[in-house]
C-alpha cells in the first residue's frame, strides 16, 4: 500500500500531518500536537490519532468522548476556516484534567446556535458544552483556539 495510512492501517487523505509528542513547557504532563491540512480526511485522522495517543497514555476511558468532541471541532474548522488545523492534547495532572485544543486560522469565535430536530448541523458546540467539564475559546496570533477539559479517570 502506498501513501500515508491511519493508525489502523487504512489510507489517510491528509498529505502532511505533523506530530509533536513530549512534555510541554506550559503544562505539568504529557502533550501531543498535530497539524492537519484543511481536507475532509483530517476529521477521521484526528479522531484516530486522539484515540491512539490516549490509549498510549493509559487513558482509554476518555478515547471515545475526546475523539467525538475533537471530531466536532475539526469539522467546524473545516466548514468555516481555511488553512491548517491544529489539535493538541495535554494531560494536566495537577488539576486532574485532559485539556484538548483545536486551532484554526479564522479569528472569529464560534457561536452556539439552536438546532431544529431536522437540522444537520448546529449541535457540535452544544455537545462540547454539555459534555466537557469546562470549555472556551481564545484568540491567538494566527486565528483562534477552541478548547475543552475532560476530567481524568480515577
N, C-alpha and C. Protein backbone atom coordinates (compact mmCIF):
# COMPACT_ATOMS: atom_id res chain seq x y z
N UNK A 1 0.85 -1.17 0.00
CA UNK A 1 0.00 0.00 0.00
C UNK A 1 0.90 1.23 0.00
N UNK A 2 0.66 2.18 -0.91
CA UNK A 2 1.45 3.39 -1.00
C UNK A 2 0.75 4.54 -0.32
N UNK A 3 1.53 5.51 0.18
CA UNK A 3 0.96 6.71 0.78
C UNK A 3 0.75 6.57 2.26
N UNK A 4 0.32 7.69 2.90
CA UNK A 4 0.11 7.69 4.35
C UNK A 4 -1.07 6.82 4.75
N UNK A 5 -0.99 6.27 5.94
CA UNK A 5 -2.08 5.44 6.45
C UNK A 5 -2.50 5.91 7.83
N UNK A 6 -3.69 5.50 8.20
CA UNK A 6 -4.22 5.76 9.53
C UNK A 6 -3.54 4.79 10.50
N UNK A 7 -3.67 5.05 11.83
CA UNK A 7 -3.11 4.11 12.81
C UNK A 7 -3.66 2.69 12.65
N UNK A 8 -4.89 2.56 12.12
CA UNK A 8 -5.46 1.22 11.94
C UNK A 8 -5.08 0.60 10.60
N UNK A 9 -4.23 1.31 9.80
CA UNK A 9 -3.77 0.77 8.53
C UNK A 9 -4.55 1.24 7.32
N UNK A 10 -5.67 1.93 7.51
CA UNK A 10 -6.46 2.41 6.37
C UNK A 10 -5.79 3.64 5.77
N UNK A 11 -5.96 3.86 4.47
CA UNK A 11 -5.34 5.02 3.84
C UNK A 11 -5.87 6.32 4.42
N UNK A 12 -5.01 7.31 4.55
CA UNK A 12 -5.44 8.62 5.03
C UNK A 12 -5.33 9.61 3.89
N UNK A 13 -6.21 10.60 3.89
CA UNK A 13 -6.17 11.57 2.82
C UNK A 13 -5.33 12.80 3.12
N UNK A 14 -5.20 13.27 4.37
CA UNK A 14 -4.33 14.42 4.57
C UNK A 14 -2.89 14.08 4.18
N UNK A 15 -2.27 14.95 3.41
CA UNK A 15 -0.95 14.66 2.89
C UNK A 15 0.17 14.99 3.86
N UNK A 16 -0.02 15.96 4.74
CA UNK A 16 1.05 16.37 5.62
C UNK A 16 0.50 16.55 7.02
N UNK A 17 0.70 15.55 7.87
CA UNK A 17 0.29 15.64 9.26
C UNK A 17 1.57 15.73 10.08
N UNK A 18 1.69 16.79 10.84
CA UNK A 18 2.85 16.99 11.69
C UNK A 18 2.48 16.59 13.10
N UNK A 19 3.30 15.74 13.72
CA UNK A 19 3.03 15.30 15.09
C UNK A 19 4.19 15.69 15.99
N UNK A 20 3.86 16.25 17.15
CA UNK A 20 4.84 16.59 18.17
C UNK A 20 4.37 15.95 19.47
N UNK A 21 5.21 15.15 20.09
CA UNK A 21 4.85 14.46 21.32
C UNK A 21 5.94 14.71 22.35
N UNK A 22 5.55 14.91 23.60
CA UNK A 22 6.53 15.10 24.67
C UNK A 22 5.89 15.71 25.88
N UNK A 23 6.70 16.39 26.65
CA UNK A 23 6.22 17.12 27.81
C UNK A 23 6.26 18.59 27.44
N UNK A 24 5.13 19.23 27.56
CA UNK A 24 5.01 20.63 27.15
C UNK A 24 5.57 21.54 28.24
N UNK A 25 6.22 22.60 27.82
CA UNK A 25 6.76 23.57 28.77
C UNK A 25 5.69 24.33 29.51
N UNK A 26 4.48 24.39 28.96
CA UNK A 26 3.41 25.13 29.60
C UNK A 26 2.42 24.21 30.32
N UNK A 27 2.84 22.98 30.60
CA UNK A 27 1.95 22.05 31.29
C UNK A 27 2.76 21.25 32.30
N UNK A 28 2.05 20.46 33.08
CA UNK A 28 2.71 19.60 34.04
C UNK A 28 2.57 18.14 33.66
N UNK A 29 2.33 17.88 32.39
CA UNK A 29 2.11 16.50 31.98
C UNK A 29 2.43 16.27 30.52
N UNK A 30 1.96 15.14 30.03
CA UNK A 30 2.20 14.75 28.65
C UNK A 30 1.49 15.69 27.70
N UNK A 31 2.06 15.83 26.50
CA UNK A 31 1.48 16.69 25.49
C UNK A 31 1.68 16.05 24.12
N UNK A 32 0.67 16.14 23.27
CA UNK A 32 0.78 15.71 21.88
C UNK A 32 0.08 16.74 21.02
N UNK A 33 0.66 17.04 19.87
CA UNK A 33 0.08 18.02 18.96
C UNK A 33 0.18 17.51 17.53
N UNK A 34 -0.82 17.84 16.75
CA UNK A 34 -0.82 17.52 15.34
C UNK A 34 -1.29 18.73 14.56
N UNK A 35 -0.81 18.86 13.34
CA UNK A 35 -1.30 19.87 12.41
C UNK A 35 -1.77 19.16 11.16
N UNK A 36 -3.01 19.46 10.77
CA UNK A 36 -3.63 18.81 9.62
C UNK A 36 -3.92 19.83 8.52
N UNK A 37 -3.82 19.42 7.28
CA UNK A 37 -4.29 20.31 6.21
C UNK A 37 -5.82 20.37 6.26
N UNK A 38 -6.37 21.43 5.74
CA UNK A 38 -7.83 21.60 5.75
C UNK A 38 -8.45 20.74 4.65
N UNK A 39 -8.52 19.45 4.90
CA UNK A 39 -9.09 18.48 3.98
C UNK A 39 -10.05 17.58 4.76
N UNK A 40 -11.10 17.09 4.10
CA UNK A 40 -12.10 16.27 4.81
C UNK A 40 -11.52 15.09 5.57
N UNK A 41 -10.47 14.46 5.09
CA UNK A 41 -9.87 13.32 5.79
C UNK A 41 -9.25 13.69 7.12
N UNK A 42 -9.08 14.98 7.38
CA UNK A 42 -8.49 15.42 8.65
C UNK A 42 -9.34 14.99 9.85
N UNK A 43 -10.64 14.96 9.67
CA UNK A 43 -11.54 14.60 10.78
C UNK A 43 -11.27 13.16 11.21
N UNK A 44 -11.27 12.27 10.25
CA UNK A 44 -11.05 10.85 10.56
C UNK A 44 -9.66 10.62 11.15
N UNK A 45 -8.66 11.28 10.56
CA UNK A 45 -7.29 11.12 11.05
C UNK A 45 -7.14 11.67 12.46
N UNK A 46 -7.72 12.83 12.72
CA UNK A 46 -7.65 13.43 14.07
C UNK A 46 -8.29 12.50 15.09
N UNK A 47 -9.46 11.97 14.77
CA UNK A 47 -10.15 11.04 15.68
C UNK A 47 -9.26 9.85 16.01
N UNK A 48 -8.67 9.25 14.99
CA UNK A 48 -7.84 8.05 15.20
C UNK A 48 -6.59 8.37 16.01
N UNK A 49 -5.95 9.49 15.73
CA UNK A 49 -4.73 9.85 16.46
C UNK A 49 -5.02 10.19 17.92
N UNK A 50 -6.13 10.86 18.17
CA UNK A 50 -6.51 11.18 19.55
C UNK A 50 -6.75 9.88 20.33
N UNK A 51 -7.52 8.97 19.77
CA UNK A 51 -7.77 7.70 20.45
C UNK A 51 -6.46 6.94 20.73
N UNK A 52 -5.59 6.89 19.73
CA UNK A 52 -4.33 6.16 19.90
C UNK A 52 -3.46 6.80 20.98
N UNK A 53 -3.33 8.11 20.96
CA UNK A 53 -2.48 8.78 21.95
C UNK A 53 -3.03 8.57 23.35
N UNK A 54 -4.36 8.70 23.51
CA UNK A 54 -4.94 8.50 24.84
C UNK A 54 -4.76 7.06 25.31
N UNK A 55 -4.85 6.11 24.40
CA UNK A 55 -4.59 4.71 24.76
C UNK A 55 -3.13 4.54 25.19
N UNK A 56 -2.21 5.19 24.47
CA UNK A 56 -0.79 5.12 24.83
C UNK A 56 -0.54 5.69 26.23
N UNK A 57 -1.32 6.69 26.61
CA UNK A 57 -1.19 7.30 27.93
C UNK A 57 -1.98 6.56 29.01
N UNK A 58 -2.65 5.48 28.65
CA UNK A 58 -3.46 4.74 29.62
C UNK A 58 -4.78 5.42 29.92
N UNK A 59 -5.24 6.27 29.01
CA UNK A 59 -6.50 7.00 29.21
C UNK A 59 -7.56 6.53 28.22
N UNK A 60 -7.62 5.22 28.02
CA UNK A 60 -8.60 4.64 27.09
C UNK A 60 -10.03 5.08 27.40
N UNK A 61 -10.32 5.28 28.69
CA UNK A 61 -11.69 5.64 29.09
C UNK A 61 -12.12 6.98 28.50
N UNK A 62 -11.18 7.83 28.15
CA UNK A 62 -11.52 9.13 27.56
C UNK A 62 -11.50 9.11 26.04
N UNK A 63 -11.05 8.01 25.44
CA UNK A 63 -10.85 7.96 23.99
C UNK A 63 -12.08 8.28 23.17
N UNK A 64 -13.20 7.64 23.46
CA UNK A 64 -14.39 7.85 22.64
C UNK A 64 -14.93 9.27 22.75
N UNK A 65 -15.05 9.78 23.95
CA UNK A 65 -15.64 11.12 24.10
C UNK A 65 -14.69 12.19 23.58
N UNK A 66 -13.40 12.05 23.84
CA UNK A 66 -12.44 13.03 23.32
C UNK A 66 -12.43 13.01 21.79
N UNK A 67 -12.45 11.82 21.21
CA UNK A 67 -12.46 11.70 19.74
C UNK A 67 -13.73 12.31 19.15
N UNK A 68 -14.87 12.08 19.80
CA UNK A 68 -16.13 12.65 19.33
C UNK A 68 -16.08 14.18 19.34
N UNK A 69 -15.63 14.76 20.45
CA UNK A 69 -15.60 16.21 20.57
C UNK A 69 -14.56 16.83 19.63
N UNK A 70 -13.41 16.19 19.49
CA UNK A 70 -12.41 16.66 18.53
C UNK A 70 -12.98 16.61 17.12
N UNK A 71 -13.69 15.55 16.82
CA UNK A 71 -14.32 15.41 15.50
C UNK A 71 -15.27 16.57 15.21
N UNK A 72 -16.06 16.94 16.20
CA UNK A 72 -16.99 18.07 16.02
C UNK A 72 -16.24 19.37 15.78
N UNK A 73 -15.19 19.62 16.55
CA UNK A 73 -14.46 20.88 16.42
C UNK A 73 -13.63 20.94 15.14
N UNK A 74 -13.03 19.84 14.74
CA UNK A 74 -12.29 19.82 13.48
C UNK A 74 -13.25 20.01 12.31
N UNK A 75 -14.43 19.41 12.40
CA UNK A 75 -15.45 19.61 11.36
C UNK A 75 -15.83 21.08 11.27
N UNK A 76 -16.02 21.75 12.40
CA UNK A 76 -16.32 23.18 12.38
C UNK A 76 -15.20 23.96 11.71
N UNK A 77 -13.95 23.62 12.04
CA UNK A 77 -12.82 24.31 11.41
C UNK A 77 -12.83 24.12 9.90
N UNK A 78 -13.10 22.91 9.46
CA UNK A 78 -13.16 22.66 8.02
C UNK A 78 -14.29 23.44 7.36
N UNK A 79 -15.40 23.56 8.04
CA UNK A 79 -16.57 24.22 7.47
C UNK A 79 -16.38 25.73 7.35
N UNK A 80 -15.74 26.35 8.34
CA UNK A 80 -15.71 27.80 8.39
C UNK A 80 -14.35 28.43 8.14
N UNK A 81 -13.28 27.69 8.22
CA UNK A 81 -11.94 28.27 8.06
C UNK A 81 -11.21 27.56 6.92
N UNK A 82 -10.16 28.18 6.47
CA UNK A 82 -9.28 27.52 5.51
C UNK A 82 -7.88 27.58 6.11
N UNK A 83 -7.07 26.64 5.75
CA UNK A 83 -5.72 26.62 6.31
C UNK A 83 -5.55 25.50 7.29
N UNK A 84 -4.39 25.42 7.90
CA UNK A 84 -4.08 24.29 8.78
C UNK A 84 -4.95 24.28 10.04
N UNK A 85 -5.19 23.06 10.51
CA UNK A 85 -5.97 22.84 11.73
C UNK A 85 -5.06 22.15 12.73
N UNK A 86 -4.97 22.72 13.91
CA UNK A 86 -4.13 22.14 14.95
C UNK A 86 -4.97 21.44 16.00
N UNK A 87 -4.50 20.31 16.47
CA UNK A 87 -5.13 19.58 17.57
C UNK A 87 -4.03 19.34 18.61
N UNK A 88 -4.36 19.63 19.86
CA UNK A 88 -3.37 19.47 20.94
C UNK A 88 -4.04 18.82 22.14
N UNK A 89 -3.37 17.83 22.71
CA UNK A 89 -3.81 17.16 23.94
C UNK A 89 -2.77 17.43 25.01
N UNK A 90 -3.22 17.79 26.20
CA UNK A 90 -2.32 17.99 27.33
C UNK A 90 -2.93 17.34 28.55
N UNK A 91 -2.17 16.43 29.18
CA UNK A 91 -2.63 15.83 30.43
C UNK A 91 -2.18 16.75 31.57
N UNK A 92 -3.16 17.36 32.25
CA UNK A 92 -2.89 18.29 33.35
C UNK A 92 -3.13 17.56 34.67
N UNK A 93 -2.10 16.85 35.11
CA UNK A 93 -2.24 16.01 36.30
C UNK A 93 -2.56 16.85 37.54
N UNK A 94 -2.04 18.07 37.61
CA UNK A 94 -2.23 18.89 38.82
C UNK A 94 -3.69 19.25 39.06
N UNK A 95 -4.48 19.32 38.00
CA UNK A 95 -5.91 19.63 38.19
C UNK A 95 -6.80 18.46 37.76
N UNK A 96 -6.18 17.33 37.45
CA UNK A 96 -6.94 16.13 37.10
C UNK A 96 -7.76 16.28 35.84
N UNK A 97 -7.14 16.87 34.79
CA UNK A 97 -7.89 17.12 33.57
C UNK A 97 -7.08 16.80 32.33
N UNK A 98 -7.79 16.50 31.27
CA UNK A 98 -7.22 16.42 29.93
C UNK A 98 -7.68 17.68 29.22
N UNK A 99 -6.72 18.48 28.77
CA UNK A 99 -7.02 19.68 28.00
C UNK A 99 -6.91 19.32 26.54
N UNK A 100 -7.93 19.67 25.77
CA UNK A 100 -7.94 19.41 24.33
C UNK A 100 -8.17 20.74 23.63
N UNK A 101 -7.32 21.03 22.63
CA UNK A 101 -7.42 22.29 21.90
C UNK A 101 -7.49 22.01 20.40
N UNK A 102 -8.35 22.75 19.72
CA UNK A 102 -8.43 22.70 18.26
C UNK A 102 -8.29 24.13 17.77
N UNK A 103 -7.29 24.36 16.92
CA UNK A 103 -6.99 25.70 16.44
C UNK A 103 -7.15 25.78 14.93
N UNK A 104 -7.53 26.96 14.45
CA UNK A 104 -7.59 27.22 13.02
C UNK A 104 -7.30 28.69 12.76
N UNK A 105 -7.09 29.07 11.50
CA UNK A 105 -6.68 30.45 11.20
C UNK A 105 -7.80 31.48 11.23
N UNK A 106 -9.04 31.09 11.41
CA UNK A 106 -10.14 32.04 11.45
C UNK A 106 -10.19 32.70 12.83
N UNK A 107 -10.11 34.03 12.91
CA UNK A 107 -10.07 34.67 14.24
C UNK A 107 -11.43 34.73 14.94
N UNK A 108 -12.52 34.60 14.20
CA UNK A 108 -13.85 34.74 14.79
C UNK A 108 -14.18 33.55 15.68
N UNK A 109 -14.64 33.81 16.90
CA UNK A 109 -15.01 32.69 17.78
C UNK A 109 -16.29 32.02 17.29
N UNK A 110 -16.42 30.74 17.56
CA UNK A 110 -17.65 30.04 17.16
C UNK A 110 -18.81 30.45 18.08
N UNK A 111 -20.00 30.27 17.58
CA UNK A 111 -21.20 30.60 18.36
C UNK A 111 -22.11 29.39 18.40
N UNK A 112 -22.62 29.10 19.59
CA UNK A 112 -23.63 28.05 19.68
C UNK A 112 -24.91 28.59 19.08
N UNK A 113 -25.66 27.70 18.47
CA UNK A 113 -26.94 28.10 17.91
C UNK A 113 -27.93 26.98 18.12
N UNK A 114 -29.19 27.34 18.24
CA UNK A 114 -30.19 26.28 18.41
C UNK A 114 -30.32 25.48 17.13
N UNK A 115 -30.52 24.19 17.26
CA UNK A 115 -30.70 23.31 16.11
C UNK A 115 -32.09 22.72 16.15
N UNK A 116 -32.79 22.85 15.06
CA UNK A 116 -34.11 22.23 14.93
C UNK A 116 -33.92 20.72 14.78
N UNK A 117 -34.95 19.94 15.08
CA UNK A 117 -34.82 18.48 15.00
C UNK A 117 -34.33 17.97 13.64
N UNK A 118 -34.67 18.65 12.56
CA UNK A 118 -34.28 18.20 11.22
C UNK A 118 -32.97 18.82 10.72
N UNK A 119 -32.37 19.72 11.48
CA UNK A 119 -31.12 20.35 11.06
C UNK A 119 -29.99 19.33 11.08
N UNK A 120 -29.12 19.41 10.06
CA UNK A 120 -27.98 18.50 10.01
C UNK A 120 -26.77 19.05 10.75
N UNK A 121 -26.79 20.30 11.14
CA UNK A 121 -25.68 20.91 11.84
C UNK A 121 -26.19 21.70 13.03
N UNK A 122 -25.26 22.31 13.74
CA UNK A 122 -25.62 23.17 14.85
C UNK A 122 -25.58 22.53 16.22
N UNK A 123 -25.09 21.30 16.30
CA UNK A 123 -25.07 20.61 17.60
C UNK A 123 -23.68 20.42 18.18
N UNK A 124 -22.64 20.67 17.39
CA UNK A 124 -21.27 20.39 17.82
C UNK A 124 -20.86 21.13 19.07
N UNK A 125 -21.04 22.45 19.08
CA UNK A 125 -20.65 23.22 20.27
C UNK A 125 -21.56 22.92 21.45
N UNK A 126 -22.83 22.63 21.18
CA UNK A 126 -23.73 22.24 22.28
C UNK A 126 -23.24 20.94 22.92
N UNK A 127 -22.80 20.02 22.08
CA UNK A 127 -22.28 18.75 22.58
C UNK A 127 -21.02 18.98 23.43
N UNK A 128 -20.13 19.84 22.96
CA UNK A 128 -18.92 20.16 23.73
C UNK A 128 -19.32 20.80 25.06
N UNK A 129 -20.22 21.77 25.02
CA UNK A 129 -20.62 22.49 26.23
C UNK A 129 -21.27 21.57 27.26
N UNK A 130 -22.04 20.62 26.80
CA UNK A 130 -22.75 19.73 27.74
C UNK A 130 -21.91 18.56 28.22
N UNK A 131 -20.83 18.25 27.53
CA UNK A 131 -20.03 17.08 27.87
C UNK A 131 -18.77 17.44 28.63
N UNK A 132 -18.13 18.53 28.26
CA UNK A 132 -16.86 18.91 28.87
C UNK A 132 -17.05 19.51 30.25
N UNK A 133 -16.03 19.36 31.08
CA UNK A 133 -16.05 19.99 32.40
C UNK A 133 -16.05 21.51 32.25
N UNK A 134 -15.20 22.01 31.35
CA UNK A 134 -15.15 23.43 31.00
C UNK A 134 -14.78 23.52 29.53
N UNK A 135 -15.13 24.64 28.90
CA UNK A 135 -14.71 24.86 27.52
C UNK A 135 -14.68 26.35 27.25
N UNK A 136 -14.03 26.73 26.17
CA UNK A 136 -13.97 28.14 25.82
C UNK A 136 -13.21 28.35 24.52
N UNK A 137 -12.98 29.61 24.23
CA UNK A 137 -12.21 29.99 23.05
C UNK A 137 -11.21 31.07 23.43
N UNK A 138 -10.16 31.17 22.64
CA UNK A 138 -9.21 32.27 22.81
C UNK A 138 -8.62 32.62 21.45
N UNK A 139 -8.36 33.90 21.28
CA UNK A 139 -7.71 34.35 20.05
C UNK A 139 -6.22 34.16 20.18
N UNK A 140 -5.61 33.88 19.06
CA UNK A 140 -4.16 33.75 19.01
C UNK A 140 -3.59 34.68 17.95
N UNK A 141 -2.30 34.59 17.75
CA UNK A 141 -1.67 35.42 16.73
C UNK A 141 -2.15 35.08 15.33
N UNK A 142 -2.50 33.83 15.12
CA UNK A 142 -2.90 33.37 13.79
C UNK A 142 -4.25 32.67 13.80
N UNK A 143 -5.22 33.25 14.46
CA UNK A 143 -6.55 32.63 14.46
C UNK A 143 -7.09 32.46 15.85
N UNK A 144 -7.76 31.34 16.06
CA UNK A 144 -8.38 31.07 17.36
C UNK A 144 -8.17 29.63 17.76
N UNK A 145 -8.40 29.39 19.04
CA UNK A 145 -8.37 28.04 19.60
C UNK A 145 -9.65 27.82 20.37
N UNK A 146 -10.30 26.71 20.10
CA UNK A 146 -11.44 26.26 20.91
C UNK A 146 -10.90 25.13 21.77
N UNK A 147 -11.13 25.20 23.07
CA UNK A 147 -10.57 24.22 23.99
C UNK A 147 -11.67 23.66 24.88
N UNK A 148 -11.39 22.48 25.41
CA UNK A 148 -12.27 21.89 26.43
C UNK A 148 -11.44 21.01 27.35
N UNK A 149 -11.98 20.80 28.55
CA UNK A 149 -11.35 19.91 29.53
C UNK A 149 -12.28 18.75 29.83
N UNK A 150 -11.67 17.59 29.97
CA UNK A 150 -12.37 16.40 30.43
C UNK A 150 -11.68 15.95 31.72
N UNK A 151 -12.45 15.50 32.72
CA UNK A 151 -11.81 15.02 33.94
C UNK A 151 -11.05 13.71 33.68
N UNK A 152 -9.86 13.62 34.28
CA UNK A 152 -9.10 12.38 34.18
C UNK A 152 -9.77 11.30 35.00
N UNK A 153 -9.78 10.07 34.49
CA UNK A 153 -10.39 8.98 35.29
C UNK A 153 -9.57 8.68 36.54
N UNK A 154 -10.29 8.17 37.54
CA UNK A 154 -9.61 7.73 38.75
C UNK A 154 -9.51 8.72 39.77
